[in-house]
PDB file of N, CA and C in Angstrom:
ATOM      1  N   THR A   1     104.189 141.868  71.872  1.00  0.00           N
ATOM      2  CA  THR A   1     105.149 141.105  72.657  1.00  0.00           C
ATOM      3  C   THR A   1     105.720 140.366  71.584  1.00  0.00           C
ATOM      4  N   LEU A   2     107.066 140.309  71.991  1.00  0.00           N
ATOM      5  CA  LEU A   2     107.988 139.275  70.736  1.00  0.00           C
ATOM      6  C   LEU A   2     107.944 137.773  71.353  1.00  0.00           C
ATOM      7  N   THR A   3     108.100 136.869  70.681  1.00  0.00           N
ATOM      8  CA  THR A   3     108.362 135.494  70.848  1.00  0.00           C
ATOM      9  C   THR A   3     109.522 135.043  69.955  1.00  0.00           C
ATOM     10  N   ARG A   4     110.063 134.086  70.693  1.00  0.00           N
ATOM     11  CA  ARG A   4     111.252 133.635  69.942  1.00  0.00           C
ATOM     12  C   ARG A   4     111.121 131.755  69.474  1.00  0.00           C
ATOM     13  N   ARG A   5     111.852 131.720  68.551  1.00  0.00           N
ATOM     14  CA  ARG A   5     111.329 130.212  68.265  1.00  0.00           C
ATOM     15  C   ARG A   5     112.247 129.431  67.721  1.00  0.00           C
ATOM     16  N   GLY A   6     112.590 128.455  67.908  1.00  0.00           N
ATOM     17  CA  GLY A   6     113.570 127.351  67.633  1.00  0.00           C
ATOM     18  C   GLY A   6     115.125 128.263  68.205  1.00  0.00           C
ATOM     19  N   SER A   7     116.334 128.234  67.528  1.00  0.00           N
ATOM     20  CA  SER A   7     117.457 128.247  68.367  1.00  0.00           C
ATOM     21  C   SER A   7     117.582 129.835  68.642  1.00  0.00           C
ATOM     22  N   GLU A   8     116.403 130.529  68.538  1.00  0.00           N
ATOM     23  CA  GLU A   8     116.395 131.638  69.184  1.00  0.00           C
ATOM     24  C   GLU A   8     115.724 131.723  70.753  1.00  0.00           C
ATOM     25  N   SER A   9     115.444 130.553  70.998  1.00  0.00           N
ATOM     26  CA  SER A   9     114.782 130.417  72.203  1.00  0.00           C
ATOM     27  C   SER A   9     115.778 130.546  73.736  1.00  0.00           C
ATOM     28  N   GLY A  10     116.663 130.154  73.307  1.00  0.00           N
ATOM     29  CA  GLY A  10     117.271 130.198  74.493  1.00  0.00           C
ATOM     30  C   GLY A  10     118.022 129.501  74.960  1.00  0.00           C
ATOM     31  N   THR A  11     117.535 128.030  74.429  1.00  0.00           N
ATOM     32  CA  THR A  11     117.591 126.649  74.853  1.00  0.00           C
ATOM     33  C   THR A  11     118.510 125.943  73.964  1.00  0.00           C
ATOM     34  N   HIS A  12     118.957 126.575  72.737  1.00  0.00           N
ATOM     35  CA  HIS A  12     119.710 125.806  71.937  1.00  0.00           C
ATOM     36  C   HIS A  12     120.995 125.651  72.207  1.00  0.00           C
ATOM     37  N   GLY A  13     121.621 124.465  72.311  1.00  0.00           N
ATOM     38  CA  GLY A  13     122.905 124.395  72.776  1.00  0.00           C
ATOM     39  C   GLY A  13     123.525 123.949  74.011  1.00  0.00           C
ATOM     40  N   LEU A  14     121.990 124.316  74.861  1.00  0.00           N
ATOM     41  CA  LEU A  14     122.224 124.000  76.338  1.00  0.00           C
ATOM     42  C   LEU A  14     122.074 122.067  76.423  1.00  0.00           C
ATOM     43  N   ASP A  15     123.022 121.617  77.183  1.00  0.00           N
ATOM     44  CA  ASP A  15     123.047 120.584  77.437  1.00  0.00           C
ATOM     45  C   ASP A  15     122.661 120.391  78.883  1.00  0.00           C
ATOM     46  N   ILE A  16     121.637 118.954  79.087  1.00  0.00           N
ATOM     47  CA  ILE A  16     120.921 118.400  80.250  1.00  0.00           C
ATOM     48  C   ILE A  16     122.119 117.756  81.104  1.00  0.00           C
ATOM     49  N   ASP A  17     122.359 118.206  82.521  1.00  0.00           N
ATOM     50  CA  ASP A  17     123.028 117.314  83.273  1.00  0.00           C
ATOM     51  C   ASP A  17     122.508 116.073  83.157  1.00  0.00           C
ATOM     52  N   PRO A  18     123.482 114.912  82.690  1.00  0.00           N
ATOM     53  CA  PRO A  18     123.548 113.672  82.883  1.00  0.00           C
ATOM     54  C   PRO A  18     122.647 112.748  83.907  1.00  0.00           C
ATOM     55  N   ASP A  19     123.119 113.147  85.210  1.00  0.00           N
ATOM     56  CA  ASP A  19     122.960 113.087  86.125  1.00  0.00           C
ATOM     57  C   ASP A  19     121.118 113.323  86.850  1.00  0.00           C
ATOM     58  N   LEU A  20     121.140 114.486  86.143  1.00  0.00           N
ATOM     59  CA  LEU A  20     119.596 115.161  86.687  1.00  0.00           C
ATOM     60  C   LEU A  20     118.891 114.366  85.592  1.00  0.00           C
ATOM     61  N   GLN A  21     119.218 114.199  84.412  1.00  0.00           N
ATOM     62  CA  GLN A  21     118.323 113.421  83.151  1.00  0.00           C
ATOM     63  C   GLN A  21     117.923 111.869  83.488  1.00  0.00           C
ATOM     64  N   ALA A  22     118.958 111.253  84.232  1.00  0.00           N
ATOM     65  CA  ALA A  22     118.858 109.810  85.034  1.00  0.00           C
ATOM     66  C   ALA A  22     117.923 109.741  86.130  1.00  0.00           C
ATOM     67  N   GLU A  23     118.019 110.690  86.680  1.00  0.00           N
ATOM     68  CA  GLU A  23     117.041 111.205  87.995  1.00  0.00           C
ATOM     69  C   GLU A  23     115.483 111.014  87.465  1.00  0.00           C
ATOM     70  N   LEU A  24     115.181 112.059  86.592  1.00  0.00           N
ATOM     71  CA  LEU A  24     113.952 112.241  85.867  1.00  0.00           C
ATOM     72  C   LEU A  24     113.567 111.152  84.866  1.00  0.00           C
ATOM     73  N   ASP A  25     114.581 110.100  84.459  1.00  0.00           N
ATOM     74  CA  ASP A  25     113.969 109.055  83.874  1.00  0.00           C
ATOM     75  C   ASP A  25     113.721 108.037  84.974  1.00  0.00           C
ATOM     76  N   THR A  26     114.155 107.884  85.728  1.00  0.00           N
ATOM     77  CA  THR A  26     114.246 106.899  87.014  1.00  0.00           C
ATOM     78  C   THR A  26     112.624 107.293  87.687  1.00  0.00           C
ATOM     79  N   ALA A  27     112.228 108.400  87.819  1.00  0.00           N
ATOM     80  CA  ALA A  27     111.002 109.002  88.811  1.00  0.00           C
ATOM     81  C   ALA A  27     110.298 108.921  87.628  1.00  0.00           C
ATOM     82  N   ILE A  28     110.296 109.053  86.403  1.00  0.00           N
ATOM     83  CA  ILE A  28     109.176 108.811  85.171  1.00  0.00           C
ATOM     84  C   ILE A  28     108.877 107.425  85.132  1.00  0.00           C
ATOM     85  N   GLU A  29     109.712 106.575  85.257  1.00  0.00           N
ATOM     86  CA  GLU A  29     109.839 104.843  85.312  1.00  0.00           C
ATOM     87  C   GLU A  29     108.972 104.483  86.269  1.00  0.00           C
ATOM     88  N   GLN A  30     109.264 104.891  87.605  1.00  0.00           N
ATOM     89  CA  GLN A  30     108.684 104.597  88.913  1.00  0.00           C
ATOM     90  C   GLN A  30     107.248 105.389  88.998  1.00  0.00           C
ATOM     91  N   ALA A  31     106.814 106.426  88.581  1.00  0.00           N
ATOM     92  CA  ALA A  31     105.534 106.874  88.257  1.00  0.00           C
ATOM     93  C   ALA A  31     104.754 105.931  87.093  1.00  0.00           C
ATOM     94  N   ARG A  32     105.362 105.481  86.257  1.00  0.00           N
ATOM     95  CA  ARG A  32     104.433 104.716  85.135  1.00  0.00           C
ATOM     96  C   ARG A  32     104.442 103.187  85.793  1.00  0.00           C
ATOM     97  N   THR A  33     105.235 102.571  86.620  1.00  0.00           N
ATOM     98  CA  THR A  33     105.184 101.215  87.133  1.00  0.00           C
ATOM     99  C   THR A  33     103.729 101.270  87.981  1.00  0.00           C
ATOM    100  N   ALA A  34     104.088 102.651  88.999  1.00  0.00           N
ATOM    101  CA  ALA A  34     103.168 102.594  90.316  1.00  0.00           C
ATOM    102  C   ALA A  34     101.601 102.672  89.567  1.00  0.00           C
ATOM    103  N   ALA A  35     101.301 103.442  88.345  1.00  0.00           N
ATOM    104  CA  ALA A  35     100.403 103.740  87.720  1.00  0.00           C
ATOM    105  C   ALA A  35      99.609 102.315  87.469  1.00  0.00           C
ATOM    106  N   GLU A  36     100.618 101.822  86.502  1.00  0.00           N
ATOM    107  CA  GLU A  36     100.296 100.146  86.059  1.00  0.00           C
ATOM    108  C   GLU A  36      99.543  99.089  87.209  1.00  0.00           C
ATOM    109  N   ARG A  37     100.268  99.061  88.524  1.00  0.00           N
ATOM    110  CA  ARG A  37     100.282  98.222  89.162  1.00  0.00           C
ATOM    111  C   ARG A  37      98.478  98.809  90.055  1.00  0.00           C
ATOM    112  N   ALA A  38      98.486  99.982  90.316  1.00  0.00           N
ATOM    113  CA  ALA A  38      96.945 100.778  90.897  1.00  0.00           C
ATOM    114  C   ALA A  38      95.942 100.343  89.550  1.00  0.00           C
ATOM    115  N   ALA A  39      96.293 100.155  88.388  1.00  0.00           N
ATOM    116  CA  ALA A  39      95.601  99.584  87.484  1.00  0.00           C
ATOM    117  C   ALA A  39      94.994  98.119  87.588  1.00  0.00           C
ATOM    118  N   ALA A  40      96.002  97.500  87.642  1.00  0.00           N
ATOM    119  CA  ALA A  40      96.071  95.903  87.761  1.00  0.00           C
ATOM    120  C   ALA A  40      95.323  95.642  89.240  1.00  0.00           C
ATOM    121  N   GLU A  41      95.773  96.415  90.082  1.00  0.00           N
ATOM    122  CA  GLU A  41      95.136  95.683  91.200  1.00  0.00           C
ATOM    123  C   GLU A  41      93.334  96.272  91.327  1.00  0.00           C
ATOM    124  N   ARG A  42      93.155  97.660  90.491  1.00  0.00           N
ATOM    125  CA  ARG A  42      91.547  97.856  90.865  1.00  0.00           C
ATOM    126  C   ARG A  42      91.193  96.906  89.935  1.00  0.00           C
ATOM    127  N   ALA A  43      91.617  96.168  88.587  1.00  0.00           N
ATOM    128  CA  ALA A  43      91.139  95.518  87.781  1.00  0.00           C
ATOM    129  C   ALA A  43      90.591  93.835  88.286  1.00  0.00           C
ATOM    130  N   ALA A  44      91.796  93.860  89.343  1.00  0.00           N
ATOM    131  CA  ALA A  44      91.701  92.505  90.186  1.00  0.00           C
ATOM    132  C   ALA A  44      90.203  92.930  91.016  1.00  0.00           C
ATOM    133  N   ALA A  45      90.333  93.972  91.930  1.00  0.00           N
ATOM    134  CA  ALA A  45      89.547  93.969  92.806  1.00  0.00           C
ATOM    135  C   ALA A  45      87.752  94.086  92.018  1.00  0.00           C
ATOM    136  N   GLU A  46      87.626  94.506  91.175  1.00  0.00           N
ATOM    137  CA  GLU A  46      86.810  94.609  90.159  1.00  0.00           C
ATOM    138  C   GLU A  46      86.369  93.069  89.934  1.00  0.00           C
ATOM    139  N   GLU A  47      87.141  92.316  89.482  1.00  0.00           N
ATOM    140  CA  GLU A  47      86.811  90.916  89.238  1.00  0.00           C
ATOM    141  C   GLU A  47      86.313  90.148  90.279  1.00  0.00           C
ATOM    142  N   ALA A  48      87.188  90.420  91.347  1.00  0.00           N
ATOM    143  CA  ALA A  48      87.090  89.708  92.759  1.00  0.00           C
ATOM    144  C   ALA A  48      85.513  90.114  93.172  1.00  0.00           C
ATOM    145  N   GLU A  49      85.307  91.463  92.826  1.00  0.00           N
ATOM    146  CA  GLU A  49      83.682  91.813  93.067  1.00  0.00           C
ATOM    147  C   GLU A  49      82.877  91.136  92.393  1.00  0.00           C
ATOM    148  N   ARG A  50      83.008  91.073  90.900  1.00  0.00           N
ATOM    149  CA  ARG A  50      82.139  90.393  89.993  1.00  0.00           C
ATOM    150  C   ARG A  50      81.697  89.044  90.412  1.00  0.00           C
ATOM    151  N   ARG A  51      83.053  88.398  90.831  1.00  0.00           N
ATOM    152  CA  ARG A  51      82.906  86.938  91.180  1.00  0.00           C
ATOM    153  C   ARG A  51      82.408  86.703  92.296  1.00  0.00           C
ATOM    154  N   ALA A  52      82.412  87.382  93.771  1.00  0.00           N
ATOM    155  CA  ALA A  52      81.339  87.343  94.575  1.00  0.00           C
ATOM    156  C   ALA A  52      79.836  87.610  94.389  1.00  0.00           C
ATOM    157  N   ALA A  53      79.717  88.524  93.740  1.00  0.00           N
ATOM    158  CA  ALA A  53      78.263  88.718  93.072  1.00  0.00           C
ATOM    159  C   ALA A  53      77.902  87.678  92.849  1.00  0.00           C
ATOM    160  N   LEU A  54      78.581  86.662  91.697  1.00  0.00           N
ATOM    161  CA  LEU A  54      77.838  85.710  90.678  1.00  0.00           C
ATOM    162  C   LEU A  54      78.035  84.561  91.771  1.00  0.00           C
ATOM    163  N   ALA A  55      78.937  84.324  92.991  1.00  0.00           N
ATOM    164  CA  ALA A  55      78.716  83.435  93.630  1.00  0.00           C
ATOM    165  C   ALA A  55      77.736  83.446  94.680  1.00  0.00           C
ATOM    166  N   ALA A  56      77.325  84.409  94.965  1.00  0.00           N
ATOM    167  CA  ALA A  56      76.087  85.023  96.023  1.00  0.00           C
ATOM    168  C   ALA A  56      74.700  84.479  95.381  1.00  0.00           C
ATOM    169  N   ARG A  57      74.592  84.170  94.111  1.00  0.00           N
ATOM    170  CA  ARG A  57      73.646  83.629  93.617  1.00  0.00           C
ATOM    171  C   ARG A  57      73.408  82.135  93.245  1.00  0.00           C
ATOM    172  N   PHE A  58      74.197  81.297  93.634  1.00  0.00           N
ATOM    173  CA  PHE A  58      74.134  80.092  93.789  1.00  0.00           C
ATOM    174  C   PHE A  58      74.169  79.587  95.619  1.00  0.00           C
ATOM    175  N   THR A  59      74.120  78.339  95.739  1.00  0.00           N
ATOM    176  CA  THR A  59      73.567  77.721  96.983  1.00  0.00           C
ATOM    177  C   THR A  59      75.381  76.716  96.948  1.00  0.00           C
ATOM    178  N   PRO A  60      75.569  76.401  98.117  1.00  0.00           N
ATOM    179  CA  PRO A  60      76.639  75.296  98.262  1.00  0.00           C
ATOM    180  C   PRO A  60      76.445  74.271  97.027  1.00  0.00           C
ATOM    181  N   SER A  61      75.618  73.955  97.010  1.00  0.00           N
ATOM    182  CA  SER A  61      75.149  72.610  96.213  1.00  0.00           C
ATOM    183  C   SER A  61      75.233  72.992  94.226  1.00  0.00           C
ATOM    184  N   HIS A  62      75.492  74.368  94.426  1.00  0.00           N
ATOM    185  CA  HIS A  62      75.621  74.725  93.017  1.00  0.00           C
ATOM    186  C   HIS A  62      74.426  75.160  92.321  1.00  0.00           C
ATOM    187  N   ARG A  63      73.325  75.070  92.797  1.00  0.00           N
ATOM    188  CA  ARG A  63      72.168  75.466  92.415  1.00  0.00           C
ATOM    189  C   ARG A  63      71.773  76.963  92.435  1.00  0.00           C
ATOM    190  N   ALA A  64      71.163  77.502  91.684  1.00  0.00           N
ATOM    191  CA  ALA A  64      70.874  78.910  91.637  1.00  0.00           C
ATOM    192  C   ALA A  64      69.393  79.010  92.810  1.00  0.00           C
ATOM    193  N   ARG A  65      70.090  79.990  93.468  1.00  0.00           N
ATOM    194  CA  ARG A  65      69.178  80.583  94.391  1.00  0.00           C
ATOM    195  C   ARG A  65      67.861  81.204  93.939  1.00  0.00           C
ATOM    196  N   ARG A  66      66.638  80.746  94.842  1.00  0.00           N
ATOM    197  CA  ARG A  66      65.463  81.361  94.311  1.00  0.00           C
ATOM    198  C   ARG A  66      65.291  82.420  95.196  1.00  0.00           C
ATOM    199  N   GLY A  67      64.178  83.343  94.699  1.00  0.00           N
ATOM    200  CA  GLY A  67      64.014  84.592  95.315  1.00  0.00           C
ATOM    201  C   GLY A  67      64.215  84.244  96.718  1.00  0.00           C
ATOM    202  N   SER A  68      63.053  83.355  97.613  1.00  0.00           N
ATOM    203  CA  SER A  68      63.301  83.025  98.728  1.00  0.00           C
ATOM    204  C   SER A  68      64.080  82.811  99.542  1.00  0.00           C
ATOM    205  N   ASP A  69      65.425  81.839  98.750  1.00  0.00           N
ATOM    206  CA  ASP A  69      66.215  81.800  99.598  1.00  0.00           C
ATOM    207  C   ASP A  69      67.359  82.885 100.036  1.00  0.00           C
ATOM    208  N   THR A  70      67.030  84.375  98.781  1.00  0.00           N
ATOM    209  CA  THR A  70      67.555  85.286  99.272  1.00  0.00           C
ATOM    210  C   THR A  70      66.727  86.370 100.324  1.00  0.00           C
ATOM    211  N   ASP A  71      65.712  85.974 100.535  1.00  0.00           N
ATOM    212  CA  ASP A  71      65.006  86.844 101.230  1.00  0.00           C
ATOM    213  C   ASP A  71      65.200  87.582 102.791  1.00  0.00           C
ATOM    214  N   THR A  72      65.461  88.831 102.458  1.00  0.00           N
ATOM    215  CA  THR A  72      65.592  89.300 103.477  1.00  0.00           C
ATOM    216  C   THR A  72      64.831  89.783 104.521  1.00  0.00           C
ATOM    217  N   ARG A  73      63.301  89.618 104.415  1.00  0.00           N
ATOM    218  CA  ARG A  73      62.428  90.059 105.442  1.00  0.00           C
ATOM    219  C   ARG A  73      62.644  89.776 106.764  1.00  0.00           C
ATOM    220  N   PRO A  74      62.228  89.932 107.767  1.00  0.00           N
ATOM    221  CA  PRO A  74      61.903  89.270 109.195  1.00  0.00           C
ATOM    222  C   PRO A  74      61.357  87.876 108.764  1.00  0.00           C
ATOM    223  N   ASP A  75      61.534  86.984 109.717  1.00  0.00           N
ATOM    224  CA  ASP A  75      60.807  85.701 109.968  1.00  0.00           C
ATOM    225  C   ASP A  75      59.339  86.196 110.305  1.00  0.00           C
ATOM    226  N   PRO A  76      58.244  85.590 109.704  1.00  0.00           N
ATOM    227  CA  PRO A  76      57.125  85.718 110.108  1.00  0.00           C
ATOM    228  C   PRO A  76      56.854  85.355 111.346  1.00  0.00           C
ATOM    229  N   ALA A  77      57.522  84.508 112.196  1.00  0.00           N
ATOM    230  CA  ALA A  77      56.792  84.423 113.299  1.00  0.00           C
ATOM    231  C   ALA A  77      57.144  85.486 114.535  1.00  0.00           C
ATOM    232  N   THR A  78      58.203  86.224 113.866  1.00  0.00           N
ATOM    233  CA  THR A  78      58.583  87.806 114.567  1.00  0.00           C
ATOM    234  C   THR A  78      57.580  88.820 114.536  1.00  0.00           C
ATOM    235  N   LEU A  79      56.664  88.697 113.585  1.00  0.00           N
ATOM    236  CA  LEU A  79      55.788  89.672 113.038  1.00  0.00           C
ATOM    237  C   LEU A  79      54.724  89.658 114.039  1.00  0.00           C
ATOM    238  N   THR A  80      54.158  90.805 114.464  1.00  0.00           N
ATOM    239  CA  THR A  80      52.903  91.120 115.270  1.00  0.00           C
ATOM    240  C   THR A  80      51.786  91.761 114.728  1.00  0.00           C
ATOM    241  N   ARG A  81      50.502  90.909 114.837  1.00  0.00           N
ATOM    242  CA  ARG A  81      49.516  91.758 114.011  1.00  0.00           C
ATOM    243  C   ARG A  81      48.596  92.497 115.152  1.00  0.00           C
ATOM    244  N   ARG A  82      47.913  93.497 114.948  1.00  0.00           N
ATOM    245  CA  ARG A  82      47.100  94.203 115.537  1.00  0.00           C
ATOM    246  C   ARG A  82      45.841  94.095 115.254  1.00  0.00           C
ATOM    247  N   GLY A  83      44.666  94.297 115.893  1.00  0.00           N
ATOM    248  CA  GLY A  83      43.105  94.561 115.597  1.00  0.00           C
ATOM    249  C   GLY A  83      42.665  93.416 115.085  1.00  0.00           C
ATOM    250  N   SER A  84      41.774  93.658 113.972  1.00  0.00           N
ATOM    251  CA  SER A  84      41.213  92.605 113.406  1.00  0.00           C
ATOM    252  C   SER A  84      42.012  91.607 112.734  1.00  0.00           C
ATOM    253  N   GLU A  85      43.320  92.119 112.373  1.00  0.00           N
ATOM    254  CA  GLU A  85      44.013  91.095 111.986  1.00  0.00           C
ATOM    255  C   GLU A  85      44.831  89.990 112.584  1.00  0.00           C
ATOM    256  N   SER A  86      44.661  90.183 113.820  1.00  0.00           N
ATOM    257  CA  SER A  86      45.045  89.182 114.565  1.00  0.00           C
ATOM    258  C   SER A  86      44.170  87.886 114.583  1.00  0.00           C
ATOM    259  N   GLY A  87      43.765  87.554 114.051  1.00  0.00           N
ATOM    260  CA  GLY A  87      42.833  86.210 114.209  1.00  0.00           C
ATOM    261  C   GLY A  87      42.075  85.872 115.044  1.00  0.00           C
ATOM    262  N   THR A  88      41.663  86.913 116.016  1.00  0.00           N
ATOM    263  CA  THR A  88      41.070  86.554 117.110  1.00  0.00           C
ATOM    264  C   THR A  88      39.728  87.333 117.248  1.00  0.00           C
ATOM    265  N   HIS A  89      39.605  88.214 116.220  1.00  0.00           N
ATOM    266  CA  HIS A  89      38.356  89.085 115.859  1.00  0.00           C
ATOM    267  C   HIS A  89      37.104  88.305 115.659  1.00  0.00           C
ATOM    268  N   GLY A  90      36.178  88.710 116.755  1.00  0.00           N
ATOM    269  CA  GLY A  90      34.701  87.833 116.304  1.00  0.00           C
ATOM    270  C   GLY A  90      34.978  86.541 117.382  1.00  0.00           C
ATOM    271  N   LEU A  91      35.851  86.318 117.649  1.00  0.00           N
ATOM    272  CA  LEU A  91      35.629  85.344 118.728  1.00  0.00           C
ATOM    273  C   LEU A  91      35.136  85.079 120.014  1.00  0.00           C
ATOM    274  N   ASP A  92      34.397  84.446 120.600  1.00  0.00           N
ATOM    275  CA  ASP A  92      33.722  84.524 121.409  1.00  0.00           C
ATOM    276  C   ASP A  92      34.491  83.696 122.747  1.00  0.00           C
TER     277      ASP A  92
END
């Protein structure tokens, strides 16, 4: 198989339609702008997420939360005990 290079490639001397080139340039610029905007929005969302996680570590009085402040276990009053753990075992 023969390959051609340089001016032999068949494209030498061909001019690109200026209107088509302008459309192509506009499309490339729009794609670049959209990608930059998406990257900026992604960075802003990540920053907001980071700040929310940081804020969640503090109470409204700006003190750091203790483990008991963020405990998600059920309220002890709602727990039920069974058998000898009920506190009544051995009572007459």
